[in-house]
Amino acid sequence: MSNWKLICPLEDIPQLGSRVVQRATGGDIAIFRNASDEVFALHDKCPHKNGPLSQGIVHGKRVTCPLHGWNIGLEDGHAVAPDVGSCGKFEVKVENGMVMLAV
């Protein structure tokens, strides 16, 4: 059973945007919100050159890295072919309009 940490109200994350959660260890987490109000959480580093995914463009269930245009799947953190690589994925959910992150 996971413990959940309250992050923010869903409305605090812009649609097609993100919010960064800083961690003491292991790098920052980017929490994304797509046009359908689904939320996803990934390490805030592109697997290509560590670009800040939180500054990328969200489209559907993907984010495009702002540095070199790699597409990363928001559901699994994997680069979309032909690119190869992945970044860490975290459990996240919305409960009563509040975004919760598994810790």
C-alpha atoms as a PDB file:
ATOM      1  CA  MET A   1       0.000   0.000   0.000  1.00  0.00           C
ATOM      2  CA  SER A   2       1.394   3.381  -1.032  1.00  0.00           C
ATOM      3  CA  ASN A   3       1.425   6.544   0.989  1.00  0.00           C
ATOM      4  CA  TRP A   4       0.149   9.600  -0.857  1.00  0.00           C
ATOM      5  CA  LYS A   5       1.379  13.165  -0.554  1.00  0.00           C
ATOM      6  CA  LEU A   6      -0.902  16.097  -1.325  1.00  0.00           C
ATOM      7  CA  ILE A   7       0.686  18.233  -4.053  1.00  0.00           C
ATOM      8  CA  CYS A   8      -1.871  20.862  -5.090  1.00  0.00           C
ATOM      9  CA  PRO A   9      -5.371  21.395  -6.469  1.00  0.00           C
ATOM     10  CA  LEU A  10      -5.687  20.117 -10.052  1.00  0.00           C
ATOM     11  CA  GLU A  11      -6.473  23.652 -11.220  1.00  0.00           C
ATOM     12  CA  ASP A  12      -2.998  24.793 -10.055  1.00  0.00           C
ATOM     13  CA  ILE A  13      -1.479  22.782 -12.904  1.00  0.00           C
ATOM     14  CA  PRO A  14      -2.308  24.438 -16.221  1.00  0.00           C
ATOM     15  CA  GLN A  15      -3.894  22.270 -18.890  1.00  0.00           C
ATOM     16  CA  LEU A  16      -1.152  21.137 -21.287  1.00  0.00           C
ATOM     17  CA  GLY A  17       1.382  22.216 -18.680  1.00  0.00           C
ATOM     18  CA  SER A  18       3.178  20.988 -15.595  1.00  0.00           C
ATOM     19  CA  ARG A  19       4.302  21.689 -12.065  1.00  0.00           C
ATOM     20  CA  VAL A  20       7.664  20.687 -10.602  1.00  0.00           C
ATOM     21  CA  VAL A  21       7.954  18.970  -7.241  1.00  0.00           C
ATOM     22  CA  GLN A  22      11.422  19.206  -5.739  1.00  0.00           C
ATOM     23  CA  ARG A  23      12.867  16.209  -3.941  1.00  0.00           C
ATOM     24  CA  ALA A  24      15.789  16.080  -1.555  1.00  0.00           C
ATOM     25  CA  THR A  25      17.229  13.097  -3.439  1.00  0.00           C
ATOM     26  CA  GLY A  26      16.785  11.576  -6.862  1.00  0.00           C
ATOM     27  CA  GLY A  27      15.942  14.660  -8.899  1.00  0.00           C
ATOM     28  CA  ASP A  28      12.812  16.709  -9.407  1.00  0.00           C
ATOM     29  CA  ILE A  29       9.453  15.309 -10.490  1.00  0.00           C
ATOM     30  CA  ALA A  30       7.339  16.966 -13.182  1.00  0.00           C
ATOM     31  CA  ILE A  31       3.587  16.530 -12.798  1.00  0.00           C
ATOM     32  CA  PHE A  32       1.779  17.010 -16.106  1.00  0.00           C
ATOM     33  CA  ARG A  33      -1.871  17.744 -16.903  1.00  0.00           C
ATOM     34  CA  ASN A  34      -3.204  17.064 -20.372  1.00  0.00           C
ATOM     35  CA  ALA A  35      -6.264  18.491 -22.150  1.00  0.00           C
ATOM     36  CA  SER A  36      -8.449  15.711 -20.683  1.00  0.00           C
ATOM     37  CA  ASP A  37      -7.365  16.636 -17.116  1.00  0.00           C
ATOM     38  CA  GLU A  38      -5.394  13.399 -16.751  1.00  0.00           C
ATOM     39  CA  VAL A  39      -2.269  13.745 -14.612  1.00  0.00           C
ATOM     40  CA  PHE A  40       1.082  12.005 -15.014  1.00  0.00           C
ATOM     41  CA  ALA A  41       4.358  12.201 -13.090  1.00  0.00           C
ATOM     42  CA  LEU A  42       7.862  11.687 -14.498  1.00  0.00           C
ATOM     43  CA  HIS A  43      11.422  12.540 -13.552  1.00  0.00           C
ATOM     44  CA  ASP A  44      11.998  16.046 -14.872  1.00  0.00           C
ATOM     45  CA  LYS A  45      14.861  14.907 -17.128  1.00  0.00           C
ATOM     46  CA  CYS A  46      14.673  13.779 -20.720  1.00  0.00           C
ATOM     47  CA  PRO A  47      16.543  10.488 -21.243  1.00  0.00           C
ATOM     48  CA  HIS A  48      18.403  12.045 -24.195  1.00  0.00           C
ATOM     49  CA  LYS A  49      20.342  14.978 -22.707  1.00  0.00           C
ATOM     50  CA  ASN A  50      18.567  15.600 -19.377  1.00  0.00           C
ATOM     51  CA  GLY A  51      16.397  18.399 -20.783  1.00  0.00           C
ATOM     52  CA  PRO A  52      13.709  19.761 -18.434  1.00  0.00           C
ATOM     53  CA  LEU A  53      10.577  17.889 -19.500  1.00  0.00           C
ATOM     54  CA  SER A  54       8.490  20.231 -17.327  1.00  0.00           C
ATOM     55  CA  GLN A  55       9.221  22.973 -19.880  1.00  0.00           C
ATOM     56  CA  GLY A  56       8.124  20.812 -22.802  1.00  0.00           C
ATOM     57  CA  ILE A  57       4.916  20.788 -24.833  1.00  0.00           C
ATOM     58  CA  VAL A  58       2.186  18.408 -23.643  1.00  0.00           C
ATOM     59  CA  HIS A  59       0.080  16.821 -26.392  1.00  0.00           C
ATOM     60  CA  GLY A  60      -2.244  13.898 -25.801  1.00  0.00           C
ATOM     61  CA  LYS A  61      -0.370  11.493 -23.542  1.00  0.00           C
ATOM     62  CA  ARG A  62       3.093  12.694 -24.547  1.00  0.00           C
ATOM     63  CA  VAL A  63       5.452  15.545 -23.776  1.00  0.00           C
ATOM     64  CA  THR A  64       7.999  16.922 -26.238  1.00  0.00           C
ATOM     65  CA  CYS A  65      11.359  17.821 -24.709  1.00  0.00           C
ATOM     66  CA  PRO A  66      12.183  21.508 -25.282  1.00  0.00           C
ATOM     67  CA  LEU A  67      15.858  20.830 -26.068  1.00  0.00           C
ATOM     68  CA  HIS A  68      15.868  18.392 -28.975  1.00  0.00           C
ATOM     69  CA  GLY A  69      12.246  17.490 -29.635  1.00  0.00           C
ATOM     70  CA  TRP A  70      12.180  13.952 -28.257  1.00  0.00           C
ATOM     71  CA  ASN A  71       8.658  12.699 -27.473  1.00  0.00           C
ATOM     72  CA  ILE A  72       8.224  10.956 -24.139  1.00  0.00           C
ATOM     73  CA  GLY A  73       5.145   8.902 -23.222  1.00  0.00           C
ATOM     74  CA  LEU A  74       3.508  10.330 -20.128  1.00  0.00           C
ATOM     75  CA  GLU A  75       2.019   6.973 -19.139  1.00  0.00           C
ATOM     76  CA  ASP A  76       5.299   5.051 -19.058  1.00  0.00           C
ATOM     77  CA  GLY A  77       8.203   7.531 -19.383  1.00  0.00           C
ATOM     78  CA  HIS A  78       9.520   5.805 -22.532  1.00  0.00           C
ATOM     79  CA  ALA A  79      10.858   7.695 -25.539  1.00  0.00           C
ATOM     80  CA  VAL A  80       8.719   7.293 -28.635  1.00  0.00           C
ATOM     81  CA  ALA A  81      10.426   5.408 -31.506  1.00  0.00           C
ATOM     82  CA  PRO A  82      12.739   5.869 -33.242  1.00  0.00           C
ATOM     83  CA  ASP A  83      14.250   7.401 -30.091  1.00  0.00           C
ATOM     84  CA  VAL A  84      15.261   5.042 -27.289  1.00  0.00           C
ATOM     85  CA  GLY A  85      15.438   5.556 -23.534  1.00  0.00           C
ATOM     86  CA  SER A  86      13.200   6.262 -20.584  1.00  0.00           C
ATOM     87  CA  CYS A  87      12.853   8.370 -17.497  1.00  0.00           C
ATOM     88  CA  GLY A  88      11.383   7.421 -14.140  1.00  0.00           C
ATOM     89  CA  LYS A  89       7.611   7.317 -13.732  1.00  0.00           C
ATOM     90  CA  PHE A  90       5.701   7.945 -10.502  1.00  0.00           C
ATOM     91  CA  GLU A  91       2.190   7.104  -9.357  1.00  0.00           C
ATOM     92  CA  VAL A  92      -0.096  10.121  -9.274  1.00  0.00           C
ATOM     93  CA  LYS A  93      -3.845  10.523  -8.917  1.00  0.00           C
ATOM     94  CA  VAL A  94      -6.559  13.120  -8.530  1.00  0.00           C
ATOM     95  CA  GLU A  95      -8.874  12.718  -5.577  1.00  0.00           C
ATOM     96  CA  ASN A  96     -11.619  15.249  -4.845  1.00  0.00           C
ATOM     97  CA  GLY A  97      -9.913  17.748  -7.165  1.00  0.00           C
ATOM     98  CA  MET A  98      -6.557  17.399  -5.393  1.00  0.00           C
ATOM     99  CA  VAL A  99      -3.388  15.984  -7.005  1.00  0.00           C
ATOM    100  CA  MET A 100      -1.720  13.272  -4.935  1.00  0.00           C
ATOM    101  CA  LEU A 101       1.739  11.775  -5.513  1.00  0.00           C
ATOM    102  CA  ALA A 102       2.793   8.344  -4.224  1.00  0.00           C
ATOM    103  CA  VAL A 103       5.752   8.507  -1.852  1.00  0.00           C
END
